[in-house]
Amino acid sequence: MANINHTITDWNCEDVTFWETRGRRIARRNLIWSIFAEHVGFSIWLLWSVVAARLTKAGFSYSTAQLFQLVSLPGLVGAFARFPYTFAVARFGGRNWTLVSALLLLIPTVSLSILVCRPATPFWLMALSAASAGLGGGNFASSMANISFFYPDREKGLALGLNAAGGNLGVSTVQLFVPLILGVALLPGAGIHLENAGLMWLPLIALAAIGSFFFMNNLASARSSFGDQIVVAKRGHTWLMSFLYIGTFGSFVGYSAAFPLLLKTQFPLVTMNLAFLGPLVGSLARPLGGKLADRLGGARVTLWNFALMTAISVAQLLTLHSHSLGLFLTFFLLLFVTAGIGNGSTFRMIPVIFRAVHCQGLSAGSEAEGAALRIARRETGAVLGIASGIGALGGYFIPRTLGASIKASGGPAAAIWCFVAFYVVCVAITWWHYARPETKERKSQRAALRPIAANAEVKWDRI
């Protein structure tokens, strides 16, 4: 309770003594509540992946294309919501914004609970409710930006991976538990109770708001103006990493949103409850991606991961004609695993890149280096949010592309060919800019990282 309205003004997580005596405990507490709040937000963001697939059974007469649109709209809104959510952390404080963003989740949950009880609801109104679920997608960007300030560079990869995985697991929570509660009569009536899909989150939203209010902190060192953060828009690395994140996180959230409806259209006799397996394995793989990037280098892990995503997608194409549920599910689960690993490795690259940009040529331990590290950390938080917002566009384009492919040809093959081409481009970008043999520029960047690595007891031999 002592931390109510408390802003920490002397945060220095890079100092080993401060970190071991005080910082780790505070950072861990903020991480735990950040994960919980983000988990709830992520769950609500993907709520329509379950609800849309059951609207027909509940008496709604929407077309397949309209159902895919309801699935994709939260992804589009969530992608754009991530931009203001990212900058809100530095403007209002991490604790304060976690509280506000949790309470905003009442909009999509309450509206869903009301509208799904009325089969005569016009599509535009249902689409508006689905779009408001995108507010939950914004939570990811603010949560990641906030946690990036709490942890030292030597532990940031795992911390960001755990924070992201905790949020990503919300997809599995939705797709596993929401179908189970739809048959429970929380309100009077018979049949399928789609309103439960919204009502079940109300106590969890309240808990996230209470937890953030009482147990999280604002960091004075994380405060900055919009102008200080938006400078990252001028840096090429911001847009390169954002593009790569479409290939990793965009794949994860896009496939997560589309998977239940895709299973229903391709295998009508199979239970859609299997869909939770994909987001589950993808979420669990994300910390592994961050840990591998900490040890082997983010660029190396990302490069080979995109190569695997390309190969798995091609294999999926080759097996589509067999119409085998086993093969279909296996290759999609492998795609989820690689998407999760790539999420962790690409996010791990960002702080390393921006340290190299700002600390090049500065002597270790100098006042100039300290100032450069503060700027790098501030810009890292902004880029994490921007990349997550652009990457989240996959949550819109993948379901829409799959829906268009099924409408035009009856199957997802044309859409998967588009995804294969995109992954090939991601392989090329990763190799050319971050993983190819040494260039003069990359040598100087690595040289700039060596003194930081010595202080942090981490080998930054790869970006």
Protein backbone atom coordinates (compact mmCIF):
# COMPACT_ATOMS: atom_id res chain seq x y z
CA MET A 1 0.00 0.00 0.00
CA ALA A 2 2.96 2.31 0.52
CA ASN A 3 3.46 2.70 -3.20
CA ILE A 4 0.17 4.55 -3.85
CA ASN A 5 0.84 7.55 -6.09
CA HIS A 6 4.54 6.91 -5.70
CA THR A 7 6.96 7.98 -8.41
CA ILE A 8 10.51 6.67 -8.15
CA THR A 9 13.00 9.46 -8.87
CA ASP A 10 16.33 7.67 -8.36
CA TRP A 11 15.99 4.63 -10.63
CA ASN A 12 19.35 3.26 -11.84
CA CYS A 13 18.88 -0.37 -12.78
CA GLU A 14 22.26 -0.57 -14.60
CA ASP A 15 24.05 -0.11 -11.27
CA VAL A 16 24.63 -3.63 -9.95
CA THR A 17 24.44 -2.65 -6.27
CA PHE A 18 21.19 -0.71 -6.73
CA TRP A 19 19.73 -3.55 -8.75
CA GLU A 20 20.54 -6.31 -6.27
CA THR A 21 19.58 -4.39 -3.13
CA ARG A 22 16.44 -2.63 -4.32
CA GLY A 23 15.80 -2.56 -8.04
CA ARG A 24 15.15 -6.24 -8.77
CA ARG A 25 12.38 -6.50 -6.19
CA ILE A 26 10.58 -3.41 -7.50
CA ALA A 27 11.02 -4.41 -11.13
CA ARG A 28 9.69 -7.92 -10.46
CA ARG A 29 6.57 -6.58 -8.73
CA ASN A 30 5.84 -4.20 -11.60
CA LEU A 31 6.48 -6.98 -14.11
CA ILE A 32 3.99 -9.31 -12.40
CA TRP A 33 1.16 -6.79 -12.47
CA SER A 34 2.11 -5.63 -15.95
CA ILE A 35 1.83 -9.22 -17.17
CA PHE A 36 -1.56 -9.67 -15.54
CA ALA A 37 -3.02 -6.43 -16.93
CA GLU A 38 -1.59 -7.13 -20.36
CA HIS A 39 -2.92 -10.69 -20.26
CA VAL A 40 -6.44 -9.40 -19.67
CA GLY A 41 -6.08 -6.81 -22.43
CA PHE A 42 -4.70 -9.33 -24.91
CA SER A 43 -7.51 -11.77 -24.08
CA ILE A 44 -10.16 -9.18 -24.81
CA TRP A 45 -8.35 -8.13 -27.99
CA LEU A 46 -8.74 -11.67 -29.40
CA LEU A 47 -12.17 -12.28 -27.90
CA TRP A 48 -13.90 -12.01 -31.25
CA SER A 49 -11.84 -14.88 -32.67
CA VAL A 50 -14.10 -17.11 -30.54
CA VAL A 51 -17.34 -15.11 -30.61
CA ALA A 52 -17.50 -14.57 -34.38
CA ALA A 53 -17.22 -18.29 -35.06
CA ARG A 54 -20.38 -18.89 -32.98
CA LEU A 55 -22.63 -16.04 -34.08
CA THR A 56 -24.35 -18.14 -36.74
CA LYS A 57 -25.27 -20.76 -34.15
CA ALA A 58 -26.70 -17.98 -31.98
CA GLY A 59 -29.08 -16.87 -34.75
CA PHE A 60 -27.09 -14.16 -36.54
CA SER A 61 -27.24 -14.16 -40.34
CA TYR A 62 -23.84 -12.65 -41.16
CA SER A 63 -21.88 -13.96 -44.16
CA THR A 64 -18.50 -15.73 -43.89
CA ALA A 65 -16.80 -12.58 -45.20
CA GLN A 66 -18.52 -10.49 -42.51
CA LEU A 67 -17.46 -12.94 -39.81
CA PHE A 68 -13.83 -12.69 -40.91
CA GLN A 69 -14.23 -8.91 -40.85
CA LEU A 70 -15.41 -9.03 -37.23
CA VAL A 71 -12.31 -11.11 -36.44
CA SER A 72 -9.96 -8.70 -38.23
CA LEU A 73 -11.30 -5.33 -37.00
CA PRO A 74 -9.85 -5.61 -33.47
CA GLY A 75 -6.46 -6.25 -35.04
CA LEU A 76 -6.66 -3.08 -37.13
CA VAL A 77 -7.83 -0.87 -34.26
CA GLY A 78 -5.36 -2.47 -31.87
CA ALA A 79 -2.50 -1.73 -34.24
CA PHE A 80 -3.33 1.98 -34.37
CA ALA A 81 -4.13 2.15 -30.64
CA ARG A 82 -0.60 1.03 -29.86
CA PHE A 83 0.90 4.31 -31.02
CA PRO A 84 -0.82 6.60 -28.48
CA TYR A 85 -0.56 3.88 -25.83
CA THR A 86 3.22 3.77 -26.30
CA PHE A 87 3.65 7.51 -25.83
CA ALA A 88 1.17 7.55 -22.92
CA VAL A 89 3.64 5.73 -20.66
CA ALA A 90 6.23 8.51 -20.92
CA ARG A 91 3.55 11.19 -20.65
CA PHE A 92 1.44 9.88 -17.75
CA GLY A 93 3.60 7.20 -16.09
CA GLY A 94 3.51 3.43 -16.37
CA ARG A 95 1.39 2.81 -13.28
CA ASN A 96 -1.11 5.53 -14.13
CA TRP A 97 -1.60 4.37 -17.70
CA THR A 98 -1.92 0.71 -16.74
CA LEU A 99 -4.84 1.72 -14.51
CA VAL A 100 -6.55 3.78 -17.23
CA SER A 101 -6.00 1.21 -19.97
CA ALA A 102 -7.48 -1.53 -17.76
CA LEU A 103 -10.66 0.46 -17.13
CA LEU A 104 -11.05 1.19 -20.85
CA LEU A 105 -11.55 -2.54 -21.39
CA LEU A 106 -15.05 -2.16 -19.94
CA ILE A 107 -16.13 -0.69 -23.31
CA PRO A 108 -15.64 -3.79 -25.49
CA THR A 109 -16.73 -6.30 -22.82
CA VAL A 110 -19.98 -4.58 -21.81
CA SER A 111 -20.97 -3.74 -25.42
CA LEU A 112 -20.32 -7.34 -26.52
CA SER A 113 -22.42 -8.73 -23.68
CA ILE A 114 -25.38 -6.56 -24.72
CA LEU A 115 -25.24 -6.93 -28.50
CA VAL A 116 -24.75 -10.71 -28.80
CA CYS A 117 -28.10 -11.21 -27.04
CA ARG A 118 -29.86 -9.50 -29.97
CA PRO A 119 -29.69 -11.47 -33.27
CA ALA A 120 -31.27 -8.50 -35.05
CA THR A 121 -28.23 -6.32 -34.28
CA PRO A 122 -27.15 -4.59 -37.53
CA PHE A 123 -23.71 -5.57 -38.74
CA TRP A 124 -22.31 -2.03 -38.49
CA LEU A 125 -23.11 -1.89 -34.77
CA MET A 126 -21.62 -5.31 -34.12
CA ALA A 127 -18.53 -4.25 -36.09
CA LEU A 128 -18.23 -1.15 -33.89
CA SER A 129 -18.26 -3.32 -30.78
CA ALA A 130 -15.67 -5.67 -32.29
CA ALA A 131 -13.48 -2.71 -33.22
CA SER A 132 -13.52 -1.45 -29.62
CA ALA A 133 -11.83 -4.71 -28.57
CA GLY A 134 -8.75 -3.23 -30.25
CA LEU A 135 -8.26 -1.20 -27.05
CA GLY A 136 -6.98 -4.42 -25.51
CA GLY A 137 -4.33 -4.63 -28.21
CA GLY A 138 -3.01 -1.23 -27.22
CA ASN A 139 -2.15 -2.54 -23.76
CA PHE A 140 0.71 -4.59 -25.16
CA ALA A 141 2.60 -1.54 -26.45
CA SER A 142 2.30 0.46 -23.24
CA SER A 143 3.19 -2.56 -21.13
CA MET A 144 6.32 -3.38 -23.14
CA ALA A 145 7.45 0.24 -23.23
CA ASN A 146 6.94 0.52 -19.47
CA ILE A 147 8.79 -2.68 -18.52
CA SER A 148 11.72 -1.78 -20.78
CA PHE A 149 12.55 1.06 -18.35
CA PHE A 150 12.59 -1.18 -15.27
CA TYR A 151 15.16 -3.77 -16.33
CA PRO A 152 18.90 -3.44 -17.04
CA ASP A 153 20.12 -4.19 -20.53
CA ARG A 154 21.73 -7.43 -19.41
CA GLU A 155 18.34 -8.85 -18.34
CA LYS A 156 16.01 -7.02 -20.71
CA GLY A 157 15.63 -9.84 -23.24
CA LEU A 158 14.17 -12.32 -20.77
CA ALA A 159 12.06 -9.68 -18.98
CA LEU A 160 10.49 -8.44 -22.21
CA GLY A 161 10.00 -12.02 -23.33
CA LEU A 162 8.17 -12.95 -20.13
CA ASN A 163 6.06 -9.80 -20.25
CA ALA A 164 5.09 -10.41 -23.85
CA ALA A 165 4.48 -14.13 -23.33
CA GLY A 166 2.19 -13.39 -20.41
CA GLY A 167 0.13 -11.17 -22.67
CA ASN A 168 0.24 -13.51 -25.65
CA LEU A 169 -1.08 -16.35 -23.48
CA GLY A 170 -4.30 -14.37 -23.30
CA VAL A 171 -5.15 -15.74 -26.73
CA SER A 172 -4.98 -19.31 -25.41
CA THR A 173 -7.00 -18.30 -22.36
CA VAL A 174 -9.74 -16.92 -24.59
CA GLN A 175 -9.82 -19.83 -27.01
CA LEU A 176 -9.69 -22.48 -24.28
CA PHE A 177 -11.93 -21.12 -21.51
CA VAL A 178 -14.45 -18.87 -23.28
CA PRO A 179 -16.03 -21.81 -25.19
CA LEU A 180 -16.44 -23.64 -21.86
CA ILE A 181 -18.36 -20.82 -20.22
CA LEU A 182 -20.67 -20.14 -23.15
CA GLY A 183 -22.97 -22.93 -21.99
CA VAL A 184 -23.27 -21.60 -18.43
CA ALA A 185 -26.38 -19.53 -17.69
CA LEU A 186 -24.96 -16.48 -15.88
CA LEU A 187 -28.06 -14.60 -17.04
CA PRO A 188 -31.59 -16.01 -17.57
CA GLY A 189 -32.15 -17.76 -20.88
CA ALA A 190 -31.50 -20.97 -22.79
CA GLY A 191 -29.06 -22.06 -25.48
CA ILE A 192 -25.62 -20.64 -26.13
CA HIS A 193 -24.72 -17.74 -23.84
CA LEU A 194 -22.42 -15.55 -25.92
CA GLU A 195 -22.88 -12.71 -23.42
CA ASN A 196 -20.68 -14.69 -21.02
CA ALA A 197 -17.73 -14.00 -23.30
CA GLY A 198 -17.85 -10.39 -22.13
CA LEU A 199 -19.17 -10.77 -18.60
CA MET A 200 -16.45 -13.20 -17.48
CA TRP A 201 -13.77 -10.50 -17.84
CA LEU A 202 -15.37 -7.88 -15.60
CA PRO A 203 -13.88 -9.12 -12.29
CA LEU A 204 -10.47 -9.58 -13.94
CA ILE A 205 -10.58 -6.01 -15.28
CA ALA A 206 -11.35 -4.81 -11.77
CA LEU A 207 -8.44 -6.84 -10.34
CA ALA A 208 -6.03 -5.44 -12.97
CA ALA A 209 -7.10 -1.89 -12.13
CA ILE A 210 -6.78 -2.43 -8.37
CA GLY A 211 -3.42 -4.19 -8.70
CA SER A 212 -1.91 -1.48 -10.88
CA PHE A 213 -3.20 1.25 -8.54
CA PHE A 214 -1.74 -0.24 -5.39
CA PHE A 215 1.34 -2.18 -6.51
CA MET A 216 2.88 -0.52 -9.57
CA ASN A 217 5.20 2.49 -9.84
CA ASN A 218 5.89 5.42 -12.13
CA LEU A 219 9.53 6.09 -13.02
CA ALA A 220 10.60 9.72 -13.27
CA SER A 221 13.41 8.67 -15.61
CA ALA A 222 10.83 7.28 -18.03
CA ARG A 223 9.04 10.61 -18.37
CA SER A 224 9.66 12.49 -21.61
CA SER A 225 7.82 14.67 -24.08
CA PHE A 226 6.22 13.48 -27.28
CA GLY A 227 8.91 15.36 -29.20
CA ASP A 228 11.69 13.49 -27.39
CA GLN A 229 10.16 10.16 -28.42
CA ILE A 230 8.94 10.87 -31.93
CA VAL A 231 12.52 11.55 -33.04
CA VAL A 232 12.77 7.78 -33.57
CA ALA A 233 10.60 8.23 -36.67
CA LYS A 234 13.71 9.68 -38.36
CA ARG A 235 15.75 6.53 -37.74
CA GLY A 236 15.81 3.85 -40.41
CA HIS A 237 16.17 1.10 -37.81
CA THR A 238 12.73 1.99 -36.45
CA TRP A 239 11.04 1.10 -39.72
CA LEU A 240 13.23 -1.89 -40.51
CA MET A 241 12.49 -3.50 -37.16
CA SER A 242 8.80 -2.61 -37.44
CA PHE A 243 8.64 -4.36 -40.81
CA LEU A 244 10.33 -7.46 -39.39
CA TYR A 245 7.92 -7.45 -36.48
CA ILE A 246 5.01 -7.74 -38.90
CA GLY A 247 6.54 -11.07 -39.93
CA THR A 248 6.82 -12.35 -36.35
CA PHE A 249 4.18 -10.78 -34.13
CA GLY A 250 1.91 -10.03 -37.09
CA SER A 251 1.95 -13.73 -37.91
CA PHE A 252 1.25 -14.70 -34.31
CA VAL A 253 -1.71 -12.39 -33.76
CA GLY A 254 -3.05 -12.81 -37.31
CA TYR A 255 -3.02 -16.59 -37.19
CA SER A 256 -4.40 -16.50 -33.63
CA ALA A 257 -7.37 -14.41 -34.73
CA ALA A 258 -8.08 -16.46 -37.85
CA PHE A 259 -7.33 -19.97 -36.61
CA PRO A 260 -10.72 -20.87 -35.02
CA LEU A 261 -12.68 -19.67 -38.04
CA LEU A 262 -10.14 -21.26 -40.41
CA LEU A 263 -10.59 -24.60 -38.67
CA LYS A 264 -14.35 -24.26 -38.92
CA THR A 265 -14.29 -23.54 -42.67
CA GLN A 266 -11.71 -26.21 -43.60
CA PHE A 267 -12.72 -28.95 -41.13
CA PRO A 268 -16.40 -28.40 -40.23
CA LEU A 269 -16.64 -31.58 -38.14
CA VAL A 270 -13.63 -30.75 -35.95
CA THR A 271 -14.07 -28.93 -32.65
CA MET A 272 -12.75 -25.37 -32.74
CA ASN A 273 -11.46 -25.83 -29.18
CA LEU A 274 -8.24 -27.14 -30.72
CA ALA A 275 -7.47 -23.58 -31.84
CA PHE A 276 -6.07 -22.62 -28.42
CA LEU A 277 -3.04 -24.88 -29.01
CA GLY A 278 -1.50 -22.51 -31.58
CA PRO A 279 -1.40 -19.36 -29.42
CA LEU A 280 -0.34 -21.48 -26.45
CA VAL A 281 2.82 -22.88 -28.05
CA GLY A 282 3.57 -19.51 -29.69
CA SER A 283 3.32 -17.69 -26.37
CA LEU A 284 5.50 -20.21 -24.55
CA ALA A 285 8.12 -19.94 -27.31
CA ARG A 286 8.47 -16.17 -26.96
CA PRO A 287 10.71 -16.12 -23.84
CA LEU A 288 12.82 -18.79 -25.55
CA GLY A 289 13.34 -16.40 -28.47
CA GLY A 290 14.46 -13.66 -26.10
CA LYS A 291 16.79 -16.00 -24.22
CA LEU A 292 18.32 -17.37 -27.43
CA ALA A 293 18.83 -13.81 -28.66
CA ASP A 294 20.55 -12.92 -25.38
CA ARG A 295 23.00 -15.81 -25.89
CA LEU A 296 23.40 -16.08 -29.67
CA GLY A 297 22.44 -12.63 -30.96
CA GLY A 298 19.04 -11.41 -32.08
CA ALA A 299 19.97 -11.05 -35.75
CA ARG A 300 21.22 -14.61 -36.05
CA VAL A 301 18.14 -16.08 -34.34
CA THR A 302 15.77 -13.87 -36.35
CA LEU A 303 17.40 -14.75 -39.67
CA TRP A 304 17.16 -18.51 -39.22
CA ASN A 305 13.71 -18.19 -37.71
CA PHE A 306 12.34 -16.42 -40.80
CA ALA A 307 13.96 -19.10 -42.95
CA LEU A 308 12.10 -21.74 -40.93
CA MET A 309 8.81 -19.84 -41.25
CA THR A 310 9.26 -19.79 -45.01
CA ALA A 311 9.99 -23.52 -45.18
CA ILE A 312 7.07 -24.44 -42.89
CA SER A 313 4.66 -22.33 -44.95
CA VAL A 314 5.80 -24.01 -48.15
CA ALA A 315 5.34 -27.42 -46.52
CA GLN A 316 1.84 -26.36 -45.47
CA LEU A 317 1.06 -25.52 -49.08
CA LEU A 318 2.32 -28.89 -50.31
CA THR A 319 0.09 -30.76 -47.88
CA LEU A 320 -3.13 -28.78 -48.36
CA HIS A 321 -4.41 -31.11 -51.07
CA SER A 322 -4.37 -34.06 -48.64
CA HIS A 323 -6.93 -32.30 -46.44
CA SER A 324 -5.35 -33.97 -43.43
CA LEU A 325 -6.21 -32.41 -40.08
CA GLY A 326 -3.05 -33.87 -38.56
CA LEU A 327 -0.73 -32.24 -41.10
CA PHE A 328 -2.71 -28.99 -41.13
CA LEU A 329 -2.55 -28.70 -37.34
CA THR A 330 1.10 -29.77 -37.10
CA PHE A 331 2.41 -27.20 -39.56
CA PHE A 332 0.31 -24.42 -38.10
CA LEU A 333 1.59 -25.24 -34.61
CA LEU A 334 5.15 -25.10 -35.96
CA LEU A 335 4.36 -21.70 -37.48
CA PHE A 336 3.11 -20.50 -34.10
CA VAL A 337 6.32 -21.72 -32.42
CA THR A 338 8.55 -19.91 -34.91
CA ALA A 339 6.40 -16.77 -34.73
CA GLY A 340 6.81 -16.82 -30.93
CA ILE A 341 10.59 -17.28 -31.12
CA GLY A 342 10.81 -14.48 -33.68
CA ASN A 343 8.78 -12.18 -31.44
CA GLY A 344 11.36 -12.54 -28.71
CA SER A 345 14.43 -12.25 -30.94
CA THR A 346 13.27 -9.19 -32.91
CA PHE A 347 12.34 -7.30 -29.75
CA ARG A 348 15.71 -8.19 -28.27
CA MET A 349 17.47 -6.62 -31.24
CA ILE A 350 15.94 -3.17 -30.68
CA PRO A 351 17.69 -2.09 -27.43
CA VAL A 352 21.04 -3.41 -28.70
CA ILE A 353 20.73 -1.51 -31.97
CA PHE A 354 19.86 1.77 -30.27
CA ARG A 355 22.68 1.44 -27.76
CA ALA A 356 25.04 1.03 -30.68
CA VAL A 357 23.58 4.06 -32.44
CA HIS A 358 23.98 6.37 -29.44
CA CYS A 359 27.08 5.00 -27.70
CA GLN A 360 29.37 4.63 -30.69
CA GLY A 361 32.81 6.05 -29.91
CA LEU A 362 32.04 6.95 -26.27
CA SER A 363 34.30 5.79 -23.46
CA ALA A 364 32.88 3.38 -20.90
CA GLY A 365 31.70 4.97 -17.68
CA SER A 366 31.92 8.53 -18.94
CA GLU A 367 29.24 11.14 -18.32
CA ALA A 368 28.59 11.30 -22.06
CA GLU A 369 28.03 7.55 -22.18
CA GLY A 370 25.56 7.76 -19.30
CA ALA A 371 23.59 10.47 -21.10
CA ALA A 372 23.67 8.46 -24.34
CA LEU A 373 22.38 5.37 -22.56
CA ARG A 374 19.44 7.34 -21.15
CA ILE A 375 18.55 8.56 -24.63
CA ALA A 376 18.94 5.05 -26.04
CA ARG A 377 16.65 3.64 -23.35
CA ARG A 378 14.02 6.31 -23.98
CA GLU A 379 14.10 5.74 -27.73
CA THR A 380 14.05 1.98 -27.23
CA GLY A 381 10.75 2.29 -25.38
CA ALA A 382 9.28 4.38 -28.20
CA VAL A 383 10.49 1.98 -30.89
CA LEU A 384 9.14 -1.04 -29.00
CA GLY A 385 5.71 0.58 -29.09
CA ILE A 386 5.89 1.69 -32.72
CA ALA A 387 7.11 -1.72 -33.85
CA SER A 388 4.40 -3.48 -31.87
CA GLY A 389 1.77 -1.22 -33.44
CA ILE A 390 2.93 -1.79 -37.00
CA GLY A 391 3.47 -5.49 -36.33
CA ALA A 392 -0.08 -5.79 -35.03
CA LEU A 393 -1.38 -4.94 -38.50
CA GLY A 394 -0.91 -8.63 -39.18
CA GLY A 395 -3.92 -9.15 -36.94
CA TYR A 396 -5.99 -7.40 -39.59
CA PHE A 397 -4.36 -8.40 -42.86
CA ILE A 398 -3.91 -12.12 -42.21
CA PRO A 399 -7.60 -12.84 -41.43
CA ARG A 400 -8.69 -10.58 -44.28
CA THR A 401 -6.31 -12.26 -46.73
CA LEU A 402 -7.39 -15.74 -45.63
CA GLY A 403 -11.05 -14.74 -45.87
CA ALA A 404 -10.57 -13.35 -49.38
CA SER A 405 -8.67 -16.46 -50.45
CA ILE A 406 -11.37 -18.80 -49.15
CA LYS A 407 -14.09 -16.70 -50.78
CA ALA A 408 -12.31 -16.69 -54.14
CA SER A 409 -11.01 -20.26 -54.31
CA GLY A 410 -12.52 -22.17 -51.43
CA GLY A 411 -9.19 -22.60 -49.64
CA PRO A 412 -6.31 -20.72 -48.00
CA ALA A 413 -3.58 -21.59 -50.53
CA ALA A 414 -3.46 -18.21 -52.28
CA ALA A 415 -3.15 -16.42 -48.92
CA ILE A 416 -0.36 -18.71 -47.76
CA TRP A 417 1.60 -18.03 -50.97
CA CYS A 418 1.42 -14.33 -50.09
CA PHE A 419 2.75 -15.08 -46.61
CA VAL A 420 5.62 -17.14 -48.06
CA ALA A 421 6.66 -14.21 -50.26
CA PHE A 422 6.58 -11.88 -47.28
CA TYR A 423 8.78 -14.17 -45.19
CA VAL A 424 11.33 -14.33 -47.99
CA VAL A 425 11.52 -10.53 -47.96
CA CYS A 426 12.02 -10.62 -44.17
CA VAL A 427 14.91 -13.07 -44.59
CA ALA A 428 16.56 -10.74 -47.09
CA ILE A 429 16.14 -7.64 -44.91
CA THR A 430 17.46 -9.36 -41.79
CA TRP A 431 20.49 -10.71 -43.60
CA TRP A 432 21.36 -7.48 -45.42
CA HIS A 433 20.99 -5.05 -42.53
CA TYR A 434 21.85 -7.09 -39.45
CA ALA A 435 23.29 -10.55 -40.11
CA ARG A 436 25.56 -10.39 -43.15
CA PRO A 437 29.37 -10.57 -42.81
CA GLU A 438 31.19 -7.68 -41.19
CA THR A 439 31.05 -4.21 -42.71
CA LYS A 440 32.92 -1.17 -41.50
CA GLU A 441 29.75 0.27 -40.00
CA ARG A 442 28.87 -2.93 -38.15
CA LYS A 443 32.40 -3.26 -36.81
CA SER A 444 32.18 0.24 -35.32
CA GLN A 445 28.77 -0.55 -33.84
CA ARG A 446 30.09 -3.68 -32.18
CA ALA A 447 33.13 -1.84 -30.92
CA ALA A 448 30.78 0.66 -29.29
CA LEU A 449 28.98 -2.18 -27.53
CA ARG A 450 32.06 -3.85 -26.05
CA PRO A 451 32.54 -1.49 -23.06
CA ILE A 452 28.84 -1.78 -22.26
CA ALA A 453 29.11 -5.55 -22.49
CA ALA A 454 32.05 -5.55 -20.11
CA ASN A 455 30.07 -3.62 -17.49
CA ALA A 456 26.98 -5.76 -17.98
CA GLU A 457 28.89 -9.06 -18.04
CA VAL A 458 27.16 -9.99 -21.29
CA LYS A 459 28.75 -10.79 -24.62
CA TRP A 460 27.15 -8.56 -27.25
CA ASP A 461 28.94 -10.11 -30.19
CA ARG A 462 25.86 -9.94 -32.39
CA ILE A 463 23.13 -7.38 -32.86
